[in-house]
N, C-alpha and C. Protein backbone atom coordinates (compact mmCIF):
# COMPACT_ATOMS: atom_id res chain seq x y z
N MET A 1 -38.75 31.47 -27.34
CA MET A 1 -37.31 31.52 -27.10
C MET A 1 -37.04 31.22 -25.62
N THR A 2 -36.17 30.28 -25.37
CA THR A 2 -35.82 29.90 -24.01
C THR A 2 -34.82 30.89 -23.42
N SER A 3 -35.11 31.34 -22.20
CA SER A 3 -34.20 32.22 -21.50
C SER A 3 -33.26 31.37 -20.65
N VAL A 4 -31.97 31.56 -20.84
CA VAL A 4 -30.98 30.77 -20.10
C VAL A 4 -29.87 31.65 -19.57
N SER A 5 -29.20 31.17 -18.52
CA SER A 5 -28.00 31.81 -18.00
C SER A 5 -26.88 30.80 -18.13
N ILE A 6 -25.70 31.30 -18.41
CA ILE A 6 -24.52 30.44 -18.48
C ILE A 6 -23.45 31.00 -17.57
N ILE A 7 -22.97 30.15 -16.67
CA ILE A 7 -21.83 30.48 -15.82
C ILE A 7 -20.62 30.18 -16.70
N HIS A 8 -19.96 31.24 -17.14
CA HIS A 8 -19.06 31.18 -18.29
C HIS A 8 -17.67 31.70 -17.98
N ASN A 9 -16.68 31.01 -18.59
CA ASN A 9 -15.31 31.51 -18.60
C ASN A 9 -14.91 31.58 -20.07
N PRO A 10 -14.75 32.79 -20.62
CA PRO A 10 -14.45 32.92 -22.04
C PRO A 10 -13.12 32.28 -22.46
N ARG A 11 -12.26 31.97 -21.52
CA ARG A 11 -10.98 31.34 -21.85
C ARG A 11 -11.08 29.82 -21.93
N CYS A 12 -12.23 29.26 -21.57
CA CYS A 12 -12.43 27.82 -21.55
C CYS A 12 -13.10 27.36 -22.84
N SER A 13 -12.49 26.40 -23.53
CA SER A 13 -13.04 25.95 -24.81
C SER A 13 -14.41 25.31 -24.65
N LYS A 14 -14.62 24.51 -23.60
CA LYS A 14 -15.94 23.89 -23.39
C LYS A 14 -17.00 24.95 -23.11
N SER A 15 -16.61 25.99 -22.40
CA SER A 15 -17.54 27.07 -22.11
C SER A 15 -17.91 27.81 -23.41
N ARG A 16 -16.92 28.07 -24.24
CA ARG A 16 -17.20 28.73 -25.53
C ARG A 16 -18.06 27.85 -26.43
N GLN A 17 -17.78 26.54 -26.44
CA GLN A 17 -18.57 25.61 -27.26
C GLN A 17 -20.02 25.56 -26.76
N THR A 18 -20.20 25.56 -25.46
CA THR A 18 -21.56 25.51 -24.90
C THR A 18 -22.31 26.79 -25.21
N LEU A 19 -21.65 27.93 -25.11
CA LEU A 19 -22.28 29.20 -25.45
C LEU A 19 -22.70 29.20 -26.92
N ALA A 20 -21.84 28.72 -27.80
CA ALA A 20 -22.17 28.65 -29.24
C ALA A 20 -23.37 27.74 -29.47
N LEU A 21 -23.42 26.62 -28.75
CA LEU A 21 -24.54 25.69 -28.88
C LEU A 21 -25.85 26.36 -28.46
N LEU A 22 -25.82 27.12 -27.37
CA LEU A 22 -27.01 27.84 -26.91
C LEU A 22 -27.44 28.87 -27.95
N GLU A 23 -26.46 29.55 -28.53
CA GLU A 23 -26.78 30.54 -29.57
C GLU A 23 -27.43 29.86 -30.77
N GLU A 24 -26.92 28.68 -31.16
CA GLU A 24 -27.50 27.92 -32.27
C GLU A 24 -28.95 27.52 -31.98
N GLN A 25 -29.25 27.30 -30.70
CA GLN A 25 -30.60 26.90 -30.30
C GLN A 25 -31.56 28.10 -30.25
N GLY A 26 -31.02 29.30 -30.46
CA GLY A 26 -31.84 30.51 -30.45
C GLY A 26 -32.25 30.95 -29.05
N CYS A 27 -31.46 30.60 -28.07
CA CYS A 27 -31.77 30.97 -26.68
C CYS A 27 -31.48 32.45 -26.42
N ASP A 28 -32.24 33.02 -25.48
CA ASP A 28 -31.97 34.35 -24.95
C ASP A 28 -31.00 34.13 -23.79
N ILE A 29 -29.74 34.51 -23.98
CA ILE A 29 -28.68 34.11 -23.06
C ILE A 29 -28.18 35.25 -22.20
N GLN A 30 -28.13 34.99 -20.88
CA GLN A 30 -27.46 35.89 -19.95
C GLN A 30 -26.12 35.23 -19.63
N VAL A 31 -25.03 35.90 -19.98
CA VAL A 31 -23.69 35.37 -19.75
C VAL A 31 -23.17 35.92 -18.42
N ILE A 32 -22.80 35.01 -17.53
CA ILE A 32 -22.25 35.39 -16.23
C ILE A 32 -20.79 34.98 -16.20
N ASP A 33 -19.90 35.97 -16.31
CA ASP A 33 -18.47 35.71 -16.22
C ASP A 33 -18.14 35.65 -14.73
N TYR A 34 -18.19 34.45 -14.19
CA TYR A 34 -18.08 34.25 -12.74
C TYR A 34 -16.71 34.59 -12.17
N LEU A 35 -15.71 34.73 -13.03
CA LEU A 35 -14.40 35.15 -12.53
C LEU A 35 -14.37 36.66 -12.30
N LYS A 36 -15.17 37.41 -13.07
CA LYS A 36 -15.26 38.86 -12.91
C LYS A 36 -16.36 39.24 -11.93
N THR A 37 -17.43 38.44 -11.90
CA THR A 37 -18.56 38.69 -11.00
C THR A 37 -18.78 37.40 -10.21
N PRO A 38 -18.02 37.23 -9.11
CA PRO A 38 -18.11 35.98 -8.35
C PRO A 38 -19.52 35.71 -7.81
N LEU A 39 -19.83 34.42 -7.72
CA LEU A 39 -21.12 34.00 -7.20
C LEU A 39 -21.10 34.00 -5.67
N SER A 40 -22.26 34.26 -5.09
CA SER A 40 -22.38 34.21 -3.63
C SER A 40 -22.59 32.77 -3.18
N ALA A 41 -22.46 32.54 -1.88
CA ALA A 41 -22.71 31.20 -1.34
C ALA A 41 -24.14 30.76 -1.63
N ASP A 42 -25.10 31.68 -1.52
CA ASP A 42 -26.49 31.35 -1.80
C ASP A 42 -26.68 30.96 -3.26
N GLU A 43 -26.03 31.68 -4.16
CA GLU A 43 -26.14 31.37 -5.59
C GLU A 43 -25.53 29.99 -5.89
N ILE A 44 -24.38 29.72 -5.31
CA ILE A 44 -23.72 28.43 -5.52
C ILE A 44 -24.59 27.30 -4.96
N THR A 45 -25.16 27.52 -3.79
CA THR A 45 -26.03 26.51 -3.18
C THR A 45 -27.25 26.25 -4.05
N SER A 46 -27.84 27.30 -4.58
CA SER A 46 -29.00 27.16 -5.46
C SER A 46 -28.64 26.36 -6.71
N ILE A 47 -27.50 26.67 -7.31
CA ILE A 47 -27.04 25.94 -8.50
C ILE A 47 -26.77 24.48 -8.16
N GLN A 48 -26.13 24.26 -7.03
CA GLN A 48 -25.82 22.89 -6.59
C GLN A 48 -27.11 22.08 -6.44
N THR A 49 -28.12 22.68 -5.85
CA THR A 49 -29.41 22.00 -5.68
C THR A 49 -30.03 21.66 -7.02
N LYS A 50 -29.99 22.61 -7.96
CA LYS A 50 -30.56 22.38 -9.29
C LYS A 50 -29.78 21.31 -10.05
N LEU A 51 -28.47 21.25 -9.83
CA LEU A 51 -27.66 20.22 -10.47
C LEU A 51 -27.90 18.85 -9.85
N GLY A 52 -28.29 18.84 -8.57
CA GLY A 52 -28.50 17.58 -7.88
C GLY A 52 -27.20 16.85 -7.57
N VAL A 53 -26.16 17.64 -7.26
CA VAL A 53 -24.85 17.07 -6.97
C VAL A 53 -24.35 17.62 -5.64
N SER A 54 -23.29 17.02 -5.13
CA SER A 54 -22.65 17.55 -3.93
C SER A 54 -21.77 18.73 -4.34
N PRO A 55 -21.42 19.60 -3.39
CA PRO A 55 -20.53 20.72 -3.74
C PRO A 55 -19.23 20.25 -4.39
N ARG A 56 -18.67 19.16 -3.89
CA ARG A 56 -17.40 18.67 -4.45
C ARG A 56 -17.56 18.26 -5.92
N GLN A 57 -18.74 17.77 -6.29
CA GLN A 57 -18.99 17.34 -7.67
C GLN A 57 -19.09 18.51 -8.63
N MET A 58 -19.22 19.73 -8.10
CA MET A 58 -19.25 20.88 -9.00
C MET A 58 -17.95 21.68 -8.92
N MET A 59 -16.90 21.01 -8.41
CA MET A 59 -15.59 21.66 -8.28
C MET A 59 -14.59 21.07 -9.26
N ARG A 60 -13.66 21.92 -9.65
CA ARG A 60 -12.56 21.51 -10.52
C ARG A 60 -11.45 20.94 -9.63
N VAL A 61 -11.49 19.63 -9.43
CA VAL A 61 -10.60 18.99 -8.46
C VAL A 61 -9.15 18.90 -8.92
N LYS A 62 -8.89 19.19 -10.18
CA LYS A 62 -7.50 19.12 -10.68
C LYS A 62 -6.80 20.47 -10.62
N GLU A 63 -7.51 21.51 -10.20
CA GLU A 63 -6.89 22.83 -10.09
C GLU A 63 -5.87 22.83 -8.94
N ASP A 64 -4.78 23.58 -9.13
CA ASP A 64 -3.77 23.69 -8.08
C ASP A 64 -4.38 24.21 -6.78
N GLU A 65 -5.32 25.15 -6.90
CA GLU A 65 -5.94 25.73 -5.71
C GLU A 65 -6.70 24.68 -4.90
N TYR A 66 -7.27 23.70 -5.58
CA TYR A 66 -7.98 22.62 -4.90
C TYR A 66 -7.00 21.85 -4.01
N LYS A 67 -5.84 21.55 -4.57
CA LYS A 67 -4.83 20.80 -3.82
C LYS A 67 -4.22 21.67 -2.72
N GLN A 68 -3.91 22.94 -3.04
CA GLN A 68 -3.28 23.84 -2.08
C GLN A 68 -4.17 24.08 -0.86
N GLN A 69 -5.50 24.11 -1.09
CA GLN A 69 -6.44 24.36 0.02
C GLN A 69 -6.88 23.06 0.71
N ASN A 70 -6.29 21.94 0.30
CA ASN A 70 -6.59 20.63 0.88
C ASN A 70 -8.09 20.32 0.85
N LEU A 71 -8.73 20.64 -0.28
CA LEU A 71 -10.17 20.47 -0.39
C LEU A 71 -10.59 19.03 -0.61
N SER A 72 -9.64 18.12 -0.79
CA SER A 72 -9.99 16.70 -0.90
C SER A 72 -10.25 16.09 0.48
N ASP A 73 -9.99 16.84 1.52
CA ASP A 73 -10.23 16.39 2.90
C ASP A 73 -11.72 16.05 3.07
N GLU A 74 -12.01 14.77 3.28
CA GLU A 74 -13.40 14.31 3.38
C GLU A 74 -14.14 14.86 4.60
N SER A 75 -13.40 15.40 5.57
CA SER A 75 -14.07 15.94 6.76
C SER A 75 -14.64 17.35 6.54
N LEU A 76 -14.33 17.96 5.40
CA LEU A 76 -14.85 19.30 5.12
C LEU A 76 -16.36 19.22 4.89
N THR A 77 -17.06 20.22 5.41
CA THR A 77 -18.52 20.25 5.25
C THR A 77 -18.88 20.86 3.90
N ASP A 78 -20.14 20.67 3.51
CA ASP A 78 -20.62 21.30 2.28
C ASP A 78 -20.45 22.80 2.35
N ALA A 79 -20.74 23.39 3.51
CA ALA A 79 -20.61 24.84 3.66
C ALA A 79 -19.16 25.29 3.45
N GLN A 80 -18.21 24.51 3.94
CA GLN A 80 -16.80 24.86 3.75
C GLN A 80 -16.40 24.76 2.29
N LEU A 81 -16.90 23.75 1.59
CA LEU A 81 -16.59 23.61 0.17
C LEU A 81 -17.22 24.74 -0.64
N ILE A 82 -18.44 25.10 -0.29
CA ILE A 82 -19.11 26.21 -0.98
C ILE A 82 -18.35 27.52 -0.72
N GLN A 83 -17.91 27.72 0.51
CA GLN A 83 -17.14 28.93 0.83
C GLN A 83 -15.84 28.96 0.04
N ALA A 84 -15.23 27.80 -0.18
CA ALA A 84 -14.00 27.75 -0.98
C ALA A 84 -14.29 28.21 -2.40
N MET A 85 -15.47 27.86 -2.95
CA MET A 85 -15.82 28.30 -4.30
C MET A 85 -16.13 29.79 -4.33
N VAL A 86 -16.68 30.31 -3.24
CA VAL A 86 -16.93 31.76 -3.15
C VAL A 86 -15.58 32.48 -3.14
N ASP A 87 -14.66 31.99 -2.32
CA ASP A 87 -13.35 32.63 -2.16
C ASP A 87 -12.44 32.44 -3.37
N THR A 88 -12.59 31.31 -4.06
CA THR A 88 -11.75 30.98 -5.21
C THR A 88 -12.67 30.52 -6.35
N PRO A 89 -13.29 31.46 -7.07
CA PRO A 89 -14.26 31.09 -8.12
C PRO A 89 -13.70 30.15 -9.18
N LYS A 90 -12.40 30.17 -9.39
CA LYS A 90 -11.76 29.30 -10.38
C LYS A 90 -12.06 27.82 -10.11
N LEU A 91 -12.43 27.49 -8.86
CA LEU A 91 -12.70 26.11 -8.48
C LEU A 91 -14.04 25.60 -9.01
N ILE A 92 -14.92 26.49 -9.44
CA ILE A 92 -16.24 26.08 -9.91
C ILE A 92 -16.12 25.47 -11.30
N GLU A 93 -16.71 24.29 -11.44
CA GLU A 93 -16.74 23.63 -12.75
C GLU A 93 -17.49 24.51 -13.72
N ARG A 94 -17.09 24.47 -14.97
CA ARG A 94 -17.72 25.31 -15.97
C ARG A 94 -17.81 24.55 -17.28
N PRO A 95 -18.69 24.95 -18.12
CA PRO A 95 -19.75 25.94 -17.89
C PRO A 95 -20.95 25.28 -17.22
N ILE A 96 -21.73 26.09 -16.55
CA ILE A 96 -23.00 25.62 -15.98
C ILE A 96 -24.10 26.45 -16.63
N VAL A 97 -25.10 25.76 -17.14
CA VAL A 97 -26.24 26.42 -17.77
C VAL A 97 -27.46 26.26 -16.88
N LEU A 98 -28.18 27.37 -16.72
CA LEU A 98 -29.42 27.38 -15.93
C LEU A 98 -30.57 27.72 -16.86
N ALA A 99 -31.60 26.87 -16.83
CA ALA A 99 -32.78 27.10 -17.67
C ALA A 99 -33.95 26.30 -17.09
N ASN A 100 -35.13 26.87 -17.18
CA ASN A 100 -36.34 26.15 -16.75
C ASN A 100 -36.23 25.61 -15.33
N ASN A 101 -35.62 26.40 -14.44
CA ASN A 101 -35.44 26.03 -13.04
C ASN A 101 -34.61 24.76 -12.86
N LYS A 102 -33.74 24.49 -13.83
CA LYS A 102 -32.84 23.34 -13.79
C LYS A 102 -31.43 23.83 -14.11
N ALA A 103 -30.46 22.96 -13.93
CA ALA A 103 -29.07 23.29 -14.25
C ALA A 103 -28.39 22.08 -14.84
N ALA A 104 -27.37 22.34 -15.67
CA ALA A 104 -26.56 21.27 -16.26
C ALA A 104 -25.15 21.78 -16.48
N ILE A 105 -24.19 20.90 -16.27
CA ILE A 105 -22.79 21.23 -16.55
C ILE A 105 -22.53 20.86 -18.01
N GLY A 106 -21.96 21.79 -18.76
CA GLY A 106 -21.71 21.59 -20.19
C GLY A 106 -20.45 20.83 -20.49
N ARG A 107 -20.30 19.69 -19.94
CA ARG A 107 -19.16 18.79 -20.21
C ARG A 107 -19.71 17.41 -20.47
N PRO A 108 -19.95 17.02 -21.70
CA PRO A 108 -19.76 17.77 -22.92
C PRO A 108 -20.88 18.82 -23.12
N PRO A 109 -20.67 19.78 -24.02
CA PRO A 109 -21.63 20.85 -24.22
C PRO A 109 -23.07 20.36 -24.45
N GLU A 110 -23.23 19.23 -25.11
CA GLU A 110 -24.56 18.70 -25.43
C GLU A 110 -25.37 18.36 -24.19
N ASN A 111 -24.70 18.22 -23.03
CA ASN A 111 -25.42 17.93 -21.78
C ASN A 111 -26.50 18.97 -21.50
N VAL A 112 -26.28 20.20 -21.91
CA VAL A 112 -27.22 21.29 -21.55
C VAL A 112 -28.51 21.21 -22.35
N LEU A 113 -28.52 20.49 -23.44
CA LEU A 113 -29.74 20.42 -24.28
C LEU A 113 -30.89 19.80 -23.50
N ALA A 114 -30.60 18.94 -22.55
CA ALA A 114 -31.64 18.24 -21.79
C ALA A 114 -32.50 19.18 -20.94
N ILE A 115 -31.98 20.36 -20.60
CA ILE A 115 -32.75 21.26 -19.73
C ILE A 115 -33.41 22.41 -20.49
N LEU A 116 -33.21 22.48 -21.80
CA LEU A 116 -33.80 23.57 -22.59
C LEU A 116 -35.25 23.29 -22.90
């Protein structure tokens, strides 16, 4: 049985679909409701490294908070973008699945199968 963690928002349909897919695969799942238990900068950095993307690529750029905080400003550093996700967890793309020292964004949910 594969042990996995999911950065999850129960109100998000893609997050719910990805969780159901993991359950169908028989995974041992740790659910992290990141809105109730925010991630630290170190945790976000670790996930970003496993995803192999820039901090901006793991952000929800259409959220009002993204626009209000002017996070599209190209002069912002990775550290500033990561701090924005720490301060405003809603900005983190979801769901993110962690397994086998890898990570995948579940959009579409089937993306996570590659790391199981």
